[in-house]
Amino acid sequence: MERLKESKQAEFVALYGRRRVGKTWLVRCYFQDKFTFYSTGIARGNRKEQLKNFYKSICAHSQNNPEQHMVGTEF
């Protein structure tokens, strides 16, 4: 994580594990809220719901209308 924090280029981190063990807290504390984008999953969501949620988060971050891009998109 230190390498990612010090990196001068864009990085992607996927952190997963059991619910309610402090994953979001760890990331926020470690990176001191110095990240451009993050998304959290949906409790008990299936794969399709998780992907749709992630896609909408990315679109909201980039200020694109997700509904416009979702026509024909299969999750």
PDB file of N, CA and C in Angstrom:
ATOM      1  N   MET A   1       0.826  -1.182   0.000  1.00  0.00           N
ATOM      2  CA  MET A   1       0.000   0.000   0.000  1.00  0.00           C
ATOM      3  C   MET A   1       0.872   1.248   0.000  1.00  0.00           C
ATOM      4  N   GLU A   2       2.026   1.164   0.614  1.00  0.00           N
ATOM      5  CA  GLU A   2       2.919   2.327   0.624  1.00  0.00           C
ATOM      6  C   GLU A   2       3.364   2.690  -0.788  1.00  0.00           C
ATOM      7  N   ARG A   3       3.669   1.672  -1.590  1.00  0.00           N
ATOM      8  CA  ARG A   3       4.066   1.919  -2.985  1.00  0.00           C
ATOM      9  C   ARG A   3       2.951   2.625  -3.740  1.00  0.00           C
ATOM     10  N   LEU A   4       1.721   2.204  -3.530  1.00  0.00           N
ATOM     11  CA  LEU A   4       0.585   2.827  -4.201  1.00  0.00           C
ATOM     12  C   LEU A   4       0.408   4.276  -3.749  1.00  0.00           C
ATOM     13  N   LYS A   5       0.583   4.504  -2.459  1.00  0.00           N
ATOM     14  CA  LYS A   5       0.412   5.846  -1.911  1.00  0.00           C
ATOM     15  C   LYS A   5       1.436   6.815  -2.488  1.00  0.00           C
ATOM     16  N   GLU A   6       2.649   6.349  -2.707  1.00  0.00           N
ATOM     17  CA  GLU A   6       3.726   7.206  -3.200  1.00  0.00           C
ATOM     18  C   GLU A   6       3.780   7.288  -4.725  1.00  0.00           C
ATOM     19  N   SER A   7       3.014   6.475  -5.407  1.00  0.00           N
ATOM     20  CA  SER A   7       3.039   6.427  -6.866  1.00  0.00           C
ATOM     21  C   SER A   7       2.615   7.762  -7.478  1.00  0.00           C
ATOM     22  N   LYS A   8       3.253   8.117  -8.557  1.00  0.00           N
ATOM     23  CA  LYS A   8       2.922   9.353  -9.286  1.00  0.00           C
ATOM     24  C   LYS A   8       1.913   9.095 -10.397  1.00  0.00           C
ATOM     25  N   GLN A   9       1.537   7.841 -10.597  1.00  0.00           N
ATOM     26  CA  GLN A   9       0.572   7.520 -11.648  1.00  0.00           C
ATOM     27  C   GLN A   9      -0.723   6.992 -11.040  1.00  0.00           C
ATOM     28  N   ALA A  10      -1.732   6.901 -11.850  1.00  0.00           N
ATOM     29  CA  ALA A  10      -3.017   6.376 -11.389  1.00  0.00           C
ATOM     30  C   ALA A  10      -2.855   4.910 -11.009  1.00  0.00           C
ATOM     31  N   GLU A  11      -3.497   4.516  -9.940  1.00  0.00           N
ATOM     32  CA  GLU A  11      -3.437   3.134  -9.466  1.00  0.00           C
ATOM     33  C   GLU A  11      -4.854   2.659  -9.176  1.00  0.00           C
ATOM     34  N   PHE A  12      -5.051   1.358  -9.211  1.00  0.00           N
ATOM     35  CA  PHE A  12      -6.334   0.751  -8.903  1.00  0.00           C
ATOM     36  C   PHE A  12      -6.125  -0.245  -7.768  1.00  0.00           C
ATOM     37  N   VAL A  13      -6.939  -0.138  -6.747  1.00  0.00           N
ATOM     38  CA  VAL A  13      -6.856  -1.055  -5.612  1.00  0.00           C
ATOM     39  C   VAL A  13      -8.224  -1.677  -5.407  1.00  0.00           C
ATOM     40  N   ALA A  14      -8.271  -2.986  -5.358  1.00  0.00           N
ATOM     41  CA  ALA A  14      -9.500  -3.695  -5.021  1.00  0.00           C
ATOM     42  C   ALA A  14      -9.275  -4.360  -3.672  1.00  0.00           C
ATOM     43  N   LEU A  15     -10.052  -3.974  -2.703  1.00  0.00           N
ATOM     44  CA  LEU A  15      -9.936  -4.524  -1.356  1.00  0.00           C
ATOM     45  C   LEU A  15     -11.254  -5.219  -1.036  1.00  0.00           C
ATOM     46  N   TYR A  16     -11.176  -6.476  -0.700  1.00  0.00           N
ATOM     47  CA  TYR A  16     -12.404  -7.201  -0.404  1.00  0.00           C
ATOM     48  C   TYR A  16     -12.191  -8.094   0.809  1.00  0.00           C
ATOM     49  N   GLY A  17     -13.280  -8.471   1.406  1.00  0.00           N
ATOM     50  CA  GLY A  17     -13.235  -9.341   2.578  1.00  0.00           C
ATOM     51  C   GLY A  17     -14.593  -9.353   3.250  1.00  0.00           C
ATOM     52  N   ARG A  18     -14.634  -9.970   4.408  1.00  0.00           N
ATOM     53  CA  ARG A  18     -15.889 -10.060   5.149  1.00  0.00           C
ATOM     54  C   ARG A  18     -16.440  -8.681   5.463  1.00  0.00           C
ATOM     55  N   ARG A  19     -17.740  -8.639   5.696  1.00  0.00           N
ATOM     56  CA  ARG A  19     -18.399  -7.382   6.058  1.00  0.00           C
ATOM     57  C   ARG A  19     -18.002  -6.963   7.458  1.00  0.00           C
ATOM     58  N   ARG A  20     -17.996  -5.648   7.666  1.00  0.00           N
ATOM     59  CA  ARG A  20     -17.877  -5.054   9.000  1.00  0.00           C
ATOM     60  C   ARG A  20     -16.547  -5.353   9.714  1.00  0.00           C
ATOM     61  N   VAL A  21     -15.451  -5.438   8.936  1.00  0.00           N
ATOM     62  CA  VAL A  21     -14.158  -5.683   9.572  1.00  0.00           C
ATOM     63  C   VAL A  21     -13.209  -4.479   9.459  1.00  0.00           C
ATOM     64  N   GLY A  22     -13.683  -3.387   8.842  1.00  0.00           N
ATOM     65  CA  GLY A  22     -12.886  -2.158   8.800  1.00  0.00           C
ATOM     66  C   GLY A  22     -12.142  -1.882   7.510  1.00  0.00           C
ATOM     67  N   LYS A  23     -12.577  -2.446   6.395  1.00  0.00           N
ATOM     68  CA  LYS A  23     -11.890  -2.219   5.120  1.00  0.00           C
ATOM     69  C   LYS A  23     -11.940  -0.751   4.699  1.00  0.00           C
ATOM     70  N   THR A  24     -13.120  -0.148   4.735  1.00  0.00           N
ATOM     71  CA  THR A  24     -13.254   1.263   4.347  1.00  0.00           C
ATOM     72  C   THR A  24     -12.465   2.156   5.295  1.00  0.00           C
ATOM     73  N   TRP A  25     -12.534   1.889   6.579  1.00  0.00           N
ATOM     74  CA  TRP A  25     -11.784   2.661   7.568  1.00  0.00           C
ATOM     75  C   TRP A  25     -10.285   2.565   7.289  1.00  0.00           C
ATOM     76  N   LEU A  26      -9.796   1.371   7.000  1.00  0.00           N
ATOM     77  CA  LEU A  26      -8.380   1.176   6.710  1.00  0.00           C
ATOM     78  C   LEU A  26      -7.934   2.037   5.534  1.00  0.00           C
ATOM     79  N   VAL A  27      -8.680   1.996   4.454  1.00  0.00           N
ATOM     80  CA  VAL A  27      -8.318   2.765   3.256  1.00  0.00           C
ATOM     81  C   VAL A  27      -8.373   4.262   3.538  1.00  0.00           C
ATOM     82  N   ARG A  28      -9.433   4.721   4.176  1.00  0.00           N
ATOM     83  CA  ARG A  28      -9.562   6.155   4.460  1.00  0.00           C
ATOM     84  C   ARG A  28      -8.451   6.648   5.379  1.00  0.00           C
ATOM     85  N   CYS A  29      -8.139   5.891   6.398  1.00  0.00           N
ATOM     86  CA  CYS A  29      -7.073   6.295   7.329  1.00  0.00           C
ATOM     87  C   CYS A  29      -5.706   6.239   6.668  1.00  0.00           C
ATOM     88  N   TYR A  30      -5.420   5.152   5.988  1.00  0.00           N
ATOM     89  CA  TYR A  30      -4.102   4.973   5.386  1.00  0.00           C
ATOM     90  C   TYR A  30      -3.826   6.027   4.323  1.00  0.00           C
ATOM     91  N   PHE A  31      -4.782   6.253   3.457  1.00  0.00           N
ATOM     92  CA  PHE A  31      -4.589   7.210   2.369  1.00  0.00           C
ATOM     93  C   PHE A  31      -5.021   8.618   2.760  1.00  0.00           C
ATOM     94  N   GLN A  32      -5.457   8.802   3.993  1.00  0.00           N
ATOM     95  CA  GLN A  32      -5.838  10.108   4.532  1.00  0.00           C
ATOM     96  C   GLN A  32      -6.824  10.835   3.614  1.00  0.00           C
ATOM     97  N   ASP A  33      -7.786  10.089   3.096  1.00  0.00           N
ATOM     98  CA  ASP A  33      -8.810  10.625   2.186  1.00  0.00           C
ATOM     99  C   ASP A  33      -8.222  11.332   0.971  1.00  0.00           C
ATOM    100  N   LYS A  34      -7.013  10.957   0.570  1.00  0.00           N
ATOM    101  CA  LYS A  34      -6.368  11.563  -0.604  1.00  0.00           C
ATOM    102  C   LYS A  34      -6.484  10.630  -1.799  1.00  0.00           C
ATOM    103  N   PHE A  35      -7.703  10.397  -2.216  1.00  0.00           N
ATOM    104  CA  PHE A  35      -7.940   9.619  -3.416  1.00  0.00           C
ATOM    105  C   PHE A  35      -9.009  10.326  -4.236  1.00  0.00           C
ATOM    106  N   THR A  36      -8.961  10.100  -5.506  1.00  0.00           N
ATOM    107  CA  THR A  36      -9.868  10.776  -6.414  1.00  0.00           C
ATOM    108  C   THR A  36     -11.223  10.089  -6.488  1.00  0.00           C
ATOM    109  N   PHE A  37     -11.219   8.786  -6.436  1.00  0.00           N
ATOM    110  CA  PHE A  37     -12.463   8.031  -6.615  1.00  0.00           C
ATOM    111  C   PHE A  37     -12.420   6.768  -5.758  1.00  0.00           C
ATOM    112  N   TYR A  38     -13.537   6.461  -5.154  1.00  0.00           N
ATOM    113  CA  TYR A  38     -13.686   5.149  -4.526  1.00  0.00           C
ATOM    114  C   TYR A  38     -15.158   4.772  -4.550  1.00  0.00           C
ATOM    115  N   SER A  39     -15.393   3.500  -4.472  1.00  0.00           N
ATOM    116  CA  SER A  39     -16.755   2.988  -4.489  1.00  0.00           C
ATOM    117  C   SER A  39     -16.831   1.837  -3.505  1.00  0.00           C
ATOM    118  N   THR A  40     -17.919   1.772  -2.778  1.00  0.00           N
ATOM    119  CA  THR A  40     -18.121   0.643  -1.881  1.00  0.00           C
ATOM    120  C   THR A  40     -19.219  -0.248  -2.435  1.00  0.00           C
ATOM    121  N   GLY A  41     -19.174  -1.493  -2.068  1.00  0.00           N
ATOM    122  CA  GLY A  41     -20.144  -2.465  -2.570  1.00  0.00           C
ATOM    123  C   GLY A  41     -21.489  -2.360  -1.872  1.00  0.00           C
ATOM    124  N   ILE A  42     -22.416  -3.137  -2.380  1.00  0.00           N
ATOM    125  CA  ILE A  42     -23.774  -3.212  -1.829  1.00  0.00           C
ATOM    126  C   ILE A  42     -23.847  -4.451  -0.933  1.00  0.00           C
ATOM    127  N   ALA A  43     -24.308  -4.262   0.280  1.00  0.00           N
ATOM    128  CA  ALA A  43     -24.461  -5.399   1.186  1.00  0.00           C
ATOM    129  C   ALA A  43     -25.399  -6.427   0.576  1.00  0.00           C
ATOM    130  N   ARG A  44     -24.964  -7.634   0.507  1.00  0.00           N
ATOM    131  CA  ARG A  44     -25.741  -8.764  -0.004  1.00  0.00           C
ATOM    132  C   ARG A  44     -26.151  -8.611  -1.471  1.00  0.00           C
ATOM    133  N   GLY A  45     -25.456  -7.769  -2.206  1.00  0.00           N
ATOM    134  CA  GLY A  45     -25.766  -7.607  -3.624  1.00  0.00           C
ATOM    135  C   GLY A  45     -25.141  -8.720  -4.446  1.00  0.00           C
ATOM    136  N   ASN A  46     -25.832  -9.136  -5.485  1.00  0.00           N
ATOM    137  CA  ASN A  46     -25.253 -10.151  -6.360  1.00  0.00           C
ATOM    138  C   ASN A  46     -24.274  -9.481  -7.335  1.00  0.00           C
ATOM    139  N   ARG A  47     -23.625 -10.270  -8.158  1.00  0.00           N
ATOM    140  CA  ARG A  47     -22.599  -9.744  -9.065  1.00  0.00           C
ATOM    141  C   ARG A  47     -23.162  -8.661  -9.991  1.00  0.00           C
ATOM    142  N   LYS A  48     -24.332  -8.907 -10.544  1.00  0.00           N
ATOM    143  CA  LYS A  48     -24.950  -7.946 -11.463  1.00  0.00           C
ATOM    144  C   LYS A  48     -25.214  -6.618 -10.754  1.00  0.00           C
ATOM    145  N   GLU A  49     -25.748  -6.679  -9.543  1.00  0.00           N
ATOM    146  CA  GLU A  49     -26.028  -5.455  -8.773  1.00  0.00           C
ATOM    147  C   GLU A  49     -24.734  -4.723  -8.411  1.00  0.00           C
ATOM    148  N   GLN A  50     -23.691  -5.480  -8.055  1.00  0.00           N
ATOM    149  CA  GLN A  50     -22.407  -4.872  -7.698  1.00  0.00           C
ATOM    150  C   GLN A  50     -21.792  -4.154  -8.900  1.00  0.00           C
ATOM    151  N   LEU A  51     -21.812  -4.805 -10.046  1.00  0.00           N
ATOM    152  CA  LEU A  51     -21.244  -4.189 -11.257  1.00  0.00           C
ATOM    153  C   LEU A  51     -22.022  -2.944 -11.670  1.00  0.00           C
ATOM    154  N   LYS A  52     -23.334  -3.019 -11.575  1.00  0.00           N
ATOM    155  CA  LYS A  52     -24.168  -1.867 -11.926  1.00  0.00           C
ATOM    156  C   LYS A  52     -23.888  -0.700 -10.972  1.00  0.00           C
ATOM    157  N   ASN A  53     -23.769  -0.987  -9.688  1.00  0.00           N
ATOM    158  CA  ASN A  53     -23.450   0.033  -8.696  1.00  0.00           C
ATOM    159  C   ASN A  53     -22.083   0.668  -8.981  1.00  0.00           C
ATOM    160  N   PHE A  54     -21.083  -0.166  -9.288  1.00  0.00           N
ATOM    161  CA  PHE A  54     -19.746   0.335  -9.588  1.00  0.00           C
ATOM    162  C   PHE A  54     -19.762   1.204 -10.840  1.00  0.00           C
ATOM    163  N   TYR A  55     -20.461   0.743 -11.861  1.00  0.00           N
ATOM    164  CA  TYR A  55     -20.573   1.491 -13.114  1.00  0.00           C
ATOM    165  C   TYR A  55     -21.221   2.856 -12.882  1.00  0.00           C
ATOM    166  N   LYS A  56     -22.295   2.883 -12.105  1.00  0.00           N
ATOM    167  CA  LYS A  56     -22.965   4.151 -11.811  1.00  0.00           C
ATOM    168  C   LYS A  56     -22.058   5.075 -11.008  1.00  0.00           C
ATOM    169  N   SER A  57     -21.263   4.521 -10.101  1.00  0.00           N
ATOM    170  CA  SER A  57     -20.319   5.332  -9.326  1.00  0.00           C
ATOM    171  C   SER A  57     -19.282   5.983 -10.230  1.00  0.00           C
ATOM    172  N   ILE A  58     -18.767   5.216 -11.181  1.00  0.00           N
ATOM    173  CA  ILE A  58     -17.784   5.765 -12.121  1.00  0.00           C
ATOM    174  C   ILE A  58     -18.416   6.858 -12.966  1.00  0.00           C
ATOM    175  N   CYS A  59     -19.611   6.613 -13.455  1.00  0.00           N
ATOM    176  CA  CYS A  59     -20.296   7.621 -14.271  1.00  0.00           C
ATOM    177  C   CYS A  59     -20.575   8.882 -13.464  1.00  0.00           C
ATOM    178  N   ALA A  60     -21.002   8.724 -12.220  1.00  0.00           N
ATOM    179  CA  ALA A  60     -21.269   9.894 -11.375  1.00  0.00           C
ATOM    180  C   ALA A  60     -19.983  10.684 -11.135  1.00  0.00           C
ATOM    181  N   HIS A  61     -18.888   9.973 -10.938  1.00  0.00           N
ATOM    182  CA  HIS A  61     -17.603  10.638 -10.718  1.00  0.00           C
ATOM    183  C   HIS A  61     -17.182  11.414 -11.960  1.00  0.00           C
ATOM    184  N   SER A  62     -17.411  10.835 -13.127  1.00  0.00           N
ATOM    185  CA  SER A  62     -17.008  11.496 -14.373  1.00  0.00           C
ATOM    186  C   SER A  62     -18.107  12.399 -14.915  1.00  0.00           C
ATOM    187  N   GLN A  63     -19.209  12.497 -14.178  1.00  0.00           N
ATOM    188  CA  GLN A  63     -20.345  13.348 -14.512  1.00  0.00           C
ATOM    189  C   GLN A  63     -20.999  12.968 -15.834  1.00  0.00           C
ATOM    190  N   ASN A  64     -20.946  11.680 -16.158  1.00  0.00           N
ATOM    191  CA  ASN A  64     -21.668  11.147 -17.314  1.00  0.00           C
ATOM    192  C   ASN A  64     -23.007  10.621 -16.834  1.00  0.00           C
ATOM    193  N   ASN A  65     -23.964  10.585 -17.706  1.00  0.00           N
ATOM    194  CA  ASN A  65     -25.267  10.026 -17.380  1.00  0.00           C
ATOM    195  C   ASN A  65     -25.208   8.521 -17.575  1.00  0.00           C
ATOM    196  N   PRO A  66     -25.233   7.733 -16.478  1.00  0.00           N
ATOM    197  CA  PRO A  66     -25.101   6.284 -16.634  1.00  0.00           C
ATOM    198  C   PRO A  66     -26.222   5.658 -17.441  1.00  0.00           C
ATOM    199  N   GLU A  67     -27.425   6.180 -17.355  1.00  0.00           N
ATOM    200  CA  GLU A  67     -28.547   5.593 -18.092  1.00  0.00           C
ATOM    201  C   GLU A  67     -28.312   5.693 -19.600  1.00  0.00           C
ATOM    202  N   GLN A  68     -27.669   6.749 -20.031  1.00  0.00           N
ATOM    203  CA  GLN A  68     -27.385   6.962 -21.444  1.00  0.00           C
ATOM    204  C   GLN A  68     -26.453   5.872 -21.972  1.00  0.00           C
ATOM    205  N   HIS A  69     -25.517   5.417 -21.153  1.00  0.00           N
ATOM    206  CA  HIS A  69     -24.525   4.443 -21.585  1.00  0.00           C
ATOM    207  C   HIS A  69     -24.940   3.013 -21.323  1.00  0.00           C
ATOM    208  N   MET A  70     -26.006   2.796 -20.564  1.00  0.00           N
ATOM    209  CA  MET A  70     -26.373   1.454 -20.156  1.00  0.00           C
ATOM    210  C   MET A  70     -27.249   0.729 -21.176  1.00  0.00           C
ATOM    211  N   VAL A  71     -27.695   1.398 -22.196  1.00  0.00           N
ATOM    212  CA  VAL A  71     -28.533   0.753 -23.203  1.00  0.00           C
ATOM    213  C   VAL A  71     -27.743  -0.385 -23.834  1.00  0.00           C
ATOM    214  N   GLY A  72     -28.230  -1.580 -23.711  1.00  0.00           N
ATOM    215  CA  GLY A  72     -27.565  -2.746 -24.285  1.00  0.00           C
ATOM    216  C   GLY A  72     -26.420  -3.275 -23.444  1.00  0.00           C
ATOM    217  N   THR A  73     -26.140  -2.653 -22.301  1.00  0.00           N
ATOM    218  CA  THR A  73     -25.057  -3.109 -21.440  1.00  0.00           C
ATOM    219  C   THR A  73     -25.535  -4.297 -20.623  1.00  0.00           C
ATOM    220  N   GLU A  74     -24.782  -5.359 -20.665  1.00  0.00           N
ATOM    221  CA  GLU A  74     -25.124  -6.565 -19.918  1.00  0.00           C
ATOM    222  C   GLU A  74     -24.161  -6.731 -18.764  1.00  0.00           C
ATOM    223  N   PHE A  75     -24.695  -6.820 -17.551  1.00  0.00           N
ATOM    224  CA  PHE A  75     -23.844  -7.011 -16.372  1.00  0.00           C
ATOM    225  C   PHE A  75     -23.910  -8.443 -15.925  1.00  0.00           C
TER     226      PHE A  75
END
